Amino acid sequence: MKVAYCTGFWCTNIGNGFFSLGVEHVLKKVLGEKNVTVVSDFQTYTTSYGKRLYVDQNQLEYISALDVDYVVMAGPVISRYFLGLWKDILLKLKERGIGYIILSAGTMKMNETARQEIKAFFKECPPYAISSRDESVYREFGAYAKYAYNGICFSFFTPDCYSPAGMSGLSPYVVYNFDKIDEPEIWKDTGDGKASAQQFEYEGNTYKIAYPKWLTALSAKTDRFTDTLIYAMSILPAKKRKSEVGSFHVIRTDHRFHPHFRGKIYRQQNSFVADLPYGYLNLYANAEFTLSDRVHACAVTLAYGHSAMLFAKTDRHGLLGRVGAEGITKRPVKLDIKRLENEKKSQIDWLNKVLLGANE
């Protein structure tokens, strides 16, 4: 069996690169490197415009021309944009006898109209296989595929395909990843009675969290409005945050390389951004803990055996709960690595059966 894995949109959200590396690794492990081709996703929007732009009349669409057995998509592709992006391509592939697979499947920006339209299309042109990244997606869409699996996000496979170098020159450090909400003030409690909106314990110490007063109601909500607000705020002077918390250095990552607003990205000391995922993985893999409004910053930190805490009201955190990270929005948590390894093995075993069994 030969497959083409479509990936992209890393520079607008580097977390897409985390699960993409995991998907590529697992597919090559199951099918062999020569049977897996990685191709570019269908580019359809410019983030700086603030909205989705659809196909230009001069844009080359070559995915439907690929000579493979299946095209593979991954991530939160089941969205209200899905049919506009993929319907014509998938129908052309179907006419050529080529199917499609969705791995690490998630939903994004859905409404009831989109749900019903996608389900109708899945009946007309069903996926060969769907592996979800949280149970809700499996329950809602798994029945439309020939094979379905209540799986985990492929970002948890990053330790199997990326070996980090040590960071003793910076250690010990923690990572703050707040690029969708304003970074809260975080400090180690010294008994001075300073008030905080939230607190957590880590290795016997208490750390307190306070949000900017005028953003308290929005501080943990991530949507298009707050995204725009964060960019708008970047033209204003930033209140400086400390570069240490307790005994730890603080490193700050931003998951959006594009649009490259320097006033947003480099508002605080020790900030890091890149257009490739590897440097991020090296930082998360060596962190004492990660505090983030991004689920995939938390996911890869957890995958490398460290603690993470999520600061966001989002339906995507189900992918963290799926691997036992319940409570991650209230305190830093660690995964049971043995449980995670068993989940990864079960997922690979399922793919072996579904993909290799198709040729029997």
Protein backbone atom coordinates (compact mmCIF):
# COMPACT_ATOMS: atom_id res chain seq x y z
CA MET A 1 0.00 0.00 0.00
CA LYS A 2 1.16 3.50 -0.85
CA VAL A 3 -0.18 6.61 0.85
CA ALA A 4 0.32 10.36 0.50
CA TYR A 5 0.16 12.29 3.74
CA CYS A 6 -0.99 15.92 3.32
CA THR A 7 0.41 18.29 5.92
CA GLY A 8 1.02 21.98 6.35
CA PHE A 9 0.00 25.20 8.11
CA TRP A 10 2.97 24.87 10.46
CA CYS A 11 3.99 28.53 10.39
CA THR A 12 0.52 29.71 11.45
CA ASN A 13 0.36 27.15 14.27
CA ILE A 14 3.51 25.16 14.94
CA GLY A 15 1.48 22.67 16.97
CA ASN A 16 0.29 21.28 13.63
CA GLY A 17 3.89 20.23 13.08
CA PHE A 18 3.93 18.26 16.32
CA PHE A 19 1.20 15.81 15.36
CA SER A 20 2.35 15.86 11.72
CA LEU A 21 5.74 14.48 12.72
CA GLY A 22 3.97 11.78 14.71
CA VAL A 23 1.71 10.82 11.79
CA GLU A 24 4.64 10.62 9.37
CA HIS A 25 6.65 8.50 11.81
CA VAL A 26 3.84 6.02 12.47
CA LEU A 27 2.87 5.67 8.80
CA LYS A 28 6.48 4.92 7.86
CA LYS A 29 6.79 2.49 10.75
CA VAL A 30 3.72 0.58 9.57
CA LEU A 31 4.08 0.81 5.78
CA GLY A 32 7.81 1.39 5.27
CA GLU A 33 9.45 4.67 4.28
CA LYS A 34 9.25 4.06 0.52
CA ASN A 35 5.49 3.65 0.70
CA VAL A 36 4.79 6.99 2.41
CA THR A 37 5.00 10.27 0.53
CA VAL A 38 4.59 13.54 2.41
CA VAL A 39 3.02 16.34 0.37
CA SER A 40 1.88 19.89 1.01
CA ASP A 41 -1.64 20.52 2.24
CA PHE A 42 -4.00 22.58 0.11
CA GLN A 43 -3.13 26.19 0.97
CA THR A 44 -6.32 28.20 1.16
CA TYR A 45 -6.00 31.18 3.46
CA THR A 46 -3.80 34.08 4.46
CA THR A 47 -3.86 34.55 8.21
CA SER A 48 -3.06 38.26 8.12
CA TYR A 49 -6.39 38.87 6.37
CA GLY A 50 -8.15 37.43 9.40
CA LYS A 51 -10.44 35.12 7.46
CA ARG A 52 -10.44 32.02 5.30
CA LEU A 53 -9.71 32.57 1.62
CA TYR A 54 -10.75 29.87 -0.80
CA VAL A 55 -9.11 28.52 -3.89
CA ASP A 56 -7.71 30.98 -6.38
CA GLN A 57 -8.55 30.30 -10.01
CA ASN A 58 -4.84 30.05 -10.83
CA GLN A 59 -3.95 27.75 -7.94
CA LEU A 60 -2.59 24.31 -8.81
CA GLU A 61 -4.44 21.45 -7.15
CA TYR A 62 -2.41 18.28 -7.62
CA ILE A 63 -3.54 16.11 -4.70
CA SER A 64 -6.30 14.52 -6.77
CA ALA A 65 -3.67 13.51 -9.38
CA LEU A 66 -1.45 11.53 -6.98
CA ASP A 67 -0.84 7.86 -7.79
CA VAL A 68 -1.37 6.29 -4.37
CA ASP A 69 -3.85 3.98 -2.70
CA TYR A 70 -4.95 6.46 -0.06
CA VAL A 71 -4.57 10.13 0.76
CA VAL A 72 -4.10 10.80 4.48
CA MET A 73 -5.25 13.90 6.34
CA ALA A 74 -4.66 14.62 10.02
CA GLY A 75 -5.70 16.95 12.80
CA PRO A 76 -8.86 19.07 13.19
CA VAL A 77 -9.83 18.78 9.53
CA ILE A 78 -13.48 18.04 10.35
CA SER A 79 -14.57 21.65 10.38
CA ARG A 80 -17.02 23.95 8.69
CA TYR A 81 -14.31 24.47 6.06
CA PHE A 82 -13.95 20.76 5.28
CA LEU A 83 -16.26 20.47 2.29
CA GLY A 84 -15.08 23.72 0.72
CA LEU A 85 -11.52 22.50 0.89
CA TRP A 86 -11.77 18.78 0.29
CA LYS A 87 -15.06 17.73 -1.30
CA ASP A 88 -14.05 18.13 -4.95
CA ILE A 89 -10.61 16.61 -4.35
CA LEU A 90 -12.00 13.56 -2.56
CA LEU A 91 -14.64 12.94 -5.21
CA LYS A 92 -11.99 13.10 -7.94
CA LEU A 93 -9.89 10.62 -5.99
CA LYS A 94 -12.90 8.35 -5.57
CA GLU A 95 -13.44 8.33 -9.35
CA ARG A 96 -9.85 7.09 -9.69
CA GLY A 97 -10.37 4.37 -7.07
CA ILE A 98 -8.34 6.18 -4.41
CA GLY A 99 -9.63 6.48 -0.85
CA TYR A 100 -8.83 8.73 2.08
CA ILE A 101 -7.93 8.33 5.74
CA ILE A 102 -8.19 10.80 8.63
CA LEU A 103 -5.74 10.30 11.50
CA SER A 104 -5.55 12.21 14.79
CA ALA A 105 -9.01 13.42 13.77
CA GLY A 106 -10.47 16.42 15.54
CA THR A 107 -13.16 19.02 14.98
CA MET A 108 -12.80 22.80 14.71
CA LYS A 109 -15.14 25.76 14.29
CA MET A 110 -18.19 23.57 13.82
CA ASN A 111 -21.88 24.42 13.77
CA GLU A 112 -24.90 22.18 13.32
CA THR A 113 -25.21 22.93 9.61
CA ALA A 114 -21.61 21.90 9.01
CA ARG A 115 -22.07 18.73 11.08
CA GLN A 116 -25.02 17.56 9.04
CA GLU A 117 -23.43 18.45 5.68
CA ILE A 118 -20.22 16.60 6.55
CA LYS A 119 -22.13 13.53 7.71
CA ALA A 120 -24.10 13.54 4.45
CA PHE A 121 -20.85 13.69 2.50
CA PHE A 122 -19.32 10.89 4.59
CA LYS A 123 -22.31 8.73 3.59
CA GLU A 124 -21.67 9.53 -0.08
CA CYS A 125 -17.89 9.28 0.09
CA PRO A 126 -16.90 7.53 3.31
CA PRO A 127 -13.37 7.58 4.73
CA TYR A 128 -11.57 4.26 4.66
CA ALA A 129 -10.42 4.81 8.24
CA ILE A 130 -10.73 7.39 11.01
CA SER A 131 -8.58 7.46 14.12
CA SER A 132 -9.81 10.13 16.53
CA ARG A 133 -7.78 12.12 19.03
CA ASP A 134 -10.62 12.37 21.55
CA GLU A 135 -13.61 10.16 22.27
CA SER A 136 -16.28 12.67 21.23
CA VAL A 137 -15.05 12.68 17.62
CA TYR A 138 -14.96 8.88 17.58
CA ARG A 139 -18.53 8.66 18.85
CA GLU A 140 -19.89 11.22 16.40
CA PHE A 141 -18.02 10.42 13.18
CA GLY A 142 -16.46 6.97 13.59
CA ALA A 143 -19.55 5.16 12.30
CA TYR A 144 -19.11 6.73 8.84
CA ALA A 145 -15.72 5.10 8.22
CA LYS A 146 -15.10 1.50 7.23
CA TYR A 147 -12.67 1.28 10.13
CA ALA A 148 -12.69 3.57 13.17
CA TYR A 149 -10.55 3.77 16.28
CA ASN A 150 -10.93 5.71 19.52
CA GLY A 151 -7.35 6.89 19.32
CA ILE A 152 -4.96 9.43 20.75
CA CYS A 153 -3.35 12.50 19.21
CA PHE A 154 -0.28 11.63 17.18
CA SER A 155 1.66 14.43 18.90
CA PHE A 156 2.24 11.89 21.68
CA PHE A 157 4.50 9.97 19.28
CA THR A 158 7.04 12.82 19.06
CA PRO A 159 9.50 11.20 21.52
CA ASP A 160 9.65 8.23 19.12
CA CYS A 161 10.78 10.36 16.18
CA TYR A 162 12.60 13.32 17.73
CA SER A 163 15.55 12.95 20.12
CA PRO A 164 16.22 16.22 21.99
CA ALA A 165 19.62 17.47 23.04
CA GLY A 166 20.16 18.43 26.67
CA MET A 167 19.81 22.07 27.74
CA SER A 168 22.07 22.22 30.82
CA GLY A 169 23.19 25.72 29.89
CA LEU A 170 19.64 26.98 30.51
CA SER A 171 18.34 24.54 33.11
CA PRO A 172 16.39 24.45 35.23
CA TYR A 173 13.71 26.29 33.29
CA VAL A 174 9.98 26.36 32.64
CA VAL A 175 8.16 27.29 29.44
CA TYR A 176 5.37 29.84 29.24
CA ASN A 177 3.44 29.55 25.99
CA PHE A 178 0.80 32.28 25.89
CA ASP A 179 0.21 33.47 22.34
CA LYS A 180 -3.60 33.35 22.24
CA ILE A 181 -4.26 35.11 25.55
CA ASP A 182 -2.31 37.74 27.46
CA GLU A 183 0.36 36.17 29.68
CA PRO A 184 -0.79 36.24 33.31
CA GLU A 185 1.47 37.25 36.17
CA ILE A 186 2.89 34.12 37.82
CA TRP A 187 4.99 34.07 40.97
CA LYS A 188 6.15 31.75 43.73
CA ASP A 189 4.23 32.38 46.95
CA THR A 190 6.44 33.80 49.70
CA GLY A 191 3.73 34.22 52.30
CA ASP A 192 3.26 37.92 51.68
CA GLY A 193 -0.49 37.51 51.25
CA LYS A 194 -0.55 38.92 47.71
CA ALA A 195 -3.92 38.09 46.18
CA SER A 196 -4.28 35.85 43.13
CA ALA A 197 -7.09 34.54 40.96
CA GLN A 198 -5.65 31.04 40.87
CA GLN A 199 -2.79 29.00 42.28
CA PHE A 200 -1.14 25.61 41.91
CA GLU A 201 1.33 23.41 43.73
CA TYR A 202 4.55 22.09 42.22
CA GLU A 203 7.14 20.07 44.14
CA GLY A 204 6.01 21.42 47.49
CA ASN A 205 5.86 25.07 46.45
CA THR A 206 2.83 27.22 45.77
CA TYR A 207 2.67 29.36 42.64
CA LYS A 208 0.09 32.10 42.22
CA ILE A 209 -1.55 33.42 39.04
CA ALA A 210 -3.15 36.80 38.41
CA TYR A 211 -4.66 38.05 35.15
CA PRO A 212 -4.76 41.68 33.97
CA LYS A 213 -7.90 43.14 35.58
CA TRP A 214 -9.48 44.42 32.39
CA LEU A 215 -8.98 41.05 30.68
CA THR A 216 -10.11 38.79 33.52
CA ALA A 217 -13.35 37.77 31.77
CA LEU A 218 -11.50 36.97 28.54
CA SER A 219 -8.23 35.69 29.91
CA ALA A 220 -8.92 31.98 29.54
CA LYS A 221 -11.08 32.07 26.41
CA THR A 222 -9.43 31.51 23.04
CA ASP A 223 -11.39 32.48 19.96
CA ARG A 224 -11.17 34.75 16.94
CA PHE A 225 -11.98 37.86 19.01
CA THR A 226 -9.30 37.28 21.64
CA ASP A 227 -6.80 36.34 18.90
CA THR A 228 -7.42 39.70 17.26
CA LEU A 229 -7.24 41.46 20.60
CA ILE A 230 -3.80 40.01 21.36
CA TYR A 231 -2.46 41.29 18.03
CA ALA A 232 -4.06 44.70 18.57
CA MET A 233 -2.50 44.94 22.03
CA SER A 234 0.96 44.34 20.56
CA ILE A 235 1.16 47.97 19.45
CA LEU A 236 0.92 49.07 23.10
CA PRO A 237 3.75 48.93 25.66
CA ALA A 238 3.79 45.62 27.51
CA LYS A 239 3.94 45.27 31.27
CA LYS A 240 7.22 43.49 31.82
CA ARG A 241 7.09 40.01 33.28
CA LYS A 242 9.91 38.46 35.30
CA SER A 243 12.41 36.17 33.59
CA GLU A 244 12.48 33.86 36.64
CA VAL A 245 9.80 32.20 38.70
CA GLY A 246 11.06 30.78 41.97
CA SER A 247 14.28 28.93 41.15
CA PHE A 248 13.41 28.46 37.46
CA HIS A 249 14.33 30.49 34.41
CA VAL A 250 11.36 31.36 32.19
CA ILE A 251 11.42 30.71 28.43
CA ARG A 252 8.52 32.03 26.36
CA THR A 253 7.39 30.40 23.11
CA ASP A 254 4.99 31.66 20.47
CA HIS A 255 3.39 29.08 18.16
CA ARG A 256 2.69 31.56 15.36
CA PHE A 257 5.66 32.35 13.16
CA HIS A 258 3.30 33.97 10.64
CA PRO A 259 2.09 36.66 10.81
CA HIS A 260 5.43 37.73 12.29
CA PHE A 261 4.41 40.62 14.53
CA ARG A 262 7.58 41.39 16.44
CA GLY A 263 5.69 43.53 18.94
CA LYS A 264 3.58 40.49 19.86
CA ILE A 265 6.21 37.78 19.71
CA TYR A 266 9.03 39.54 21.53
CA ARG A 267 7.12 41.46 24.21
CA GLN A 268 8.99 39.70 27.00
CA GLN A 269 12.51 38.40 27.64
CA ASN A 270 13.67 34.94 26.50
CA SER A 271 11.09 34.68 23.71
CA PHE A 272 11.34 32.01 21.03
CA VAL A 273 9.62 31.55 17.68
CA ALA A 274 10.53 29.51 14.59
CA ASP A 275 8.97 28.23 11.37
CA LEU A 276 9.90 24.60 12.12
CA PRO A 277 8.79 22.49 15.10
CA TYR A 278 12.13 21.00 16.17
CA GLY A 279 13.38 23.83 18.38
CA TYR A 280 10.08 23.92 20.22
CA LEU A 281 10.23 20.20 20.86
CA ASN A 282 13.76 20.54 22.25
CA LEU A 283 12.57 23.24 24.65
CA TYR A 284 9.45 21.39 25.81
CA ALA A 285 11.35 18.12 26.16
CA ASN A 286 13.76 19.68 28.70
CA ALA A 287 11.32 21.90 30.61
CA GLU A 288 10.49 21.33 34.27
CA PHE A 289 6.91 22.19 33.37
CA THR A 290 4.97 24.07 30.69
CA LEU A 291 2.17 26.56 31.27
CA SER A 292 0.26 27.20 28.06
CA ASP A 293 -2.95 28.21 26.30
CA ARG A 294 -2.10 25.69 23.53
CA VAL A 295 -3.11 22.04 23.84
CA HIS A 296 -0.18 20.78 21.76
CA ALA A 297 2.43 22.61 23.83
CA CYS A 298 1.00 20.68 26.77
CA ALA A 299 0.76 17.43 24.80
CA VAL A 300 4.40 17.23 23.78
CA THR A 301 5.61 18.32 27.22
CA LEU A 302 3.55 15.50 28.71
CA ALA A 303 4.81 13.06 26.05
CA TYR A 304 8.40 13.72 27.14
CA GLY A 305 7.48 12.92 30.74
CA HIS A 306 7.16 16.42 32.19
CA SER A 307 4.33 18.40 33.77
CA ALA A 308 1.98 20.77 31.95
CA MET A 309 -0.99 22.98 32.73
CA LEU A 310 -3.51 24.30 30.20
CA PHE A 311 -4.87 27.86 30.42
CA ALA A 312 -7.76 27.83 27.96
CA LYS A 313 -11.47 27.24 27.62
CA THR A 314 -11.49 25.06 24.53
CA ASP A 315 -13.19 21.87 23.38
CA ARG A 316 -9.80 20.64 22.14
CA HIS A 317 -8.56 19.70 25.61
CA GLY A 318 -10.36 16.37 25.16
CA LEU A 319 -7.22 15.07 23.46
CA LEU A 320 -5.39 15.60 26.78
CA GLY A 321 -8.08 13.96 28.86
CA ARG A 322 -7.99 11.01 26.45
CA VAL A 323 -4.50 10.08 27.74
CA GLY A 324 -5.25 10.64 31.44
CA ALA A 325 -4.48 14.35 31.84
CA GLU A 326 -7.72 15.18 33.59
CA GLY A 327 -7.40 18.23 35.79
CA ILE A 328 -4.82 19.85 33.51
CA THR A 329 -6.78 23.13 33.51
CA LYS A 330 -6.54 23.33 37.31
CA ARG A 331 -2.95 22.29 38.02
CA PRO A 332 0.19 20.91 36.34
CA VAL A 333 -0.19 17.20 35.72
CA LYS A 334 2.02 14.36 34.51
CA LEU A 335 1.04 11.35 32.47
CA ASP A 336 1.31 7.71 33.39
CA ILE A 337 3.96 6.95 30.76
CA LYS A 338 3.29 3.21 30.89
CA ARG A 339 -0.37 3.87 30.09
CA LEU A 340 0.66 6.20 27.26
CA GLU A 341 3.00 3.59 25.77
CA ASN A 342 0.20 1.02 25.86
CA GLU A 343 -2.12 3.47 24.06
CA LYS A 344 0.52 4.11 21.39
CA LYS A 345 1.13 0.40 20.89
CA SER A 346 -2.61 -0.29 20.55
CA GLN A 347 -2.93 2.46 17.97
CA ILE A 348 -0.05 1.11 15.90
CA ASP A 349 -1.47 -2.41 16.15
CA TRP A 350 -4.80 -1.11 14.83
CA LEU A 351 -3.11 0.66 11.92
CA ASN A 352 -1.15 -2.47 11.09
CA LYS A 353 -4.38 -4.42 10.88
CA VAL A 354 -6.27 -1.76 8.89
CA LEU A 355 -3.51 -0.79 6.44
CA LEU A 356 -1.61 -4.01 5.92
CA GLY A 357 -4.75 -6.14 6.12
CA ALA A 358 -6.22 -4.19 3.19
CA ASN A 359 -3.81 -5.92 0.84
CA GLU A 360 -4.54 -9.43 2.04
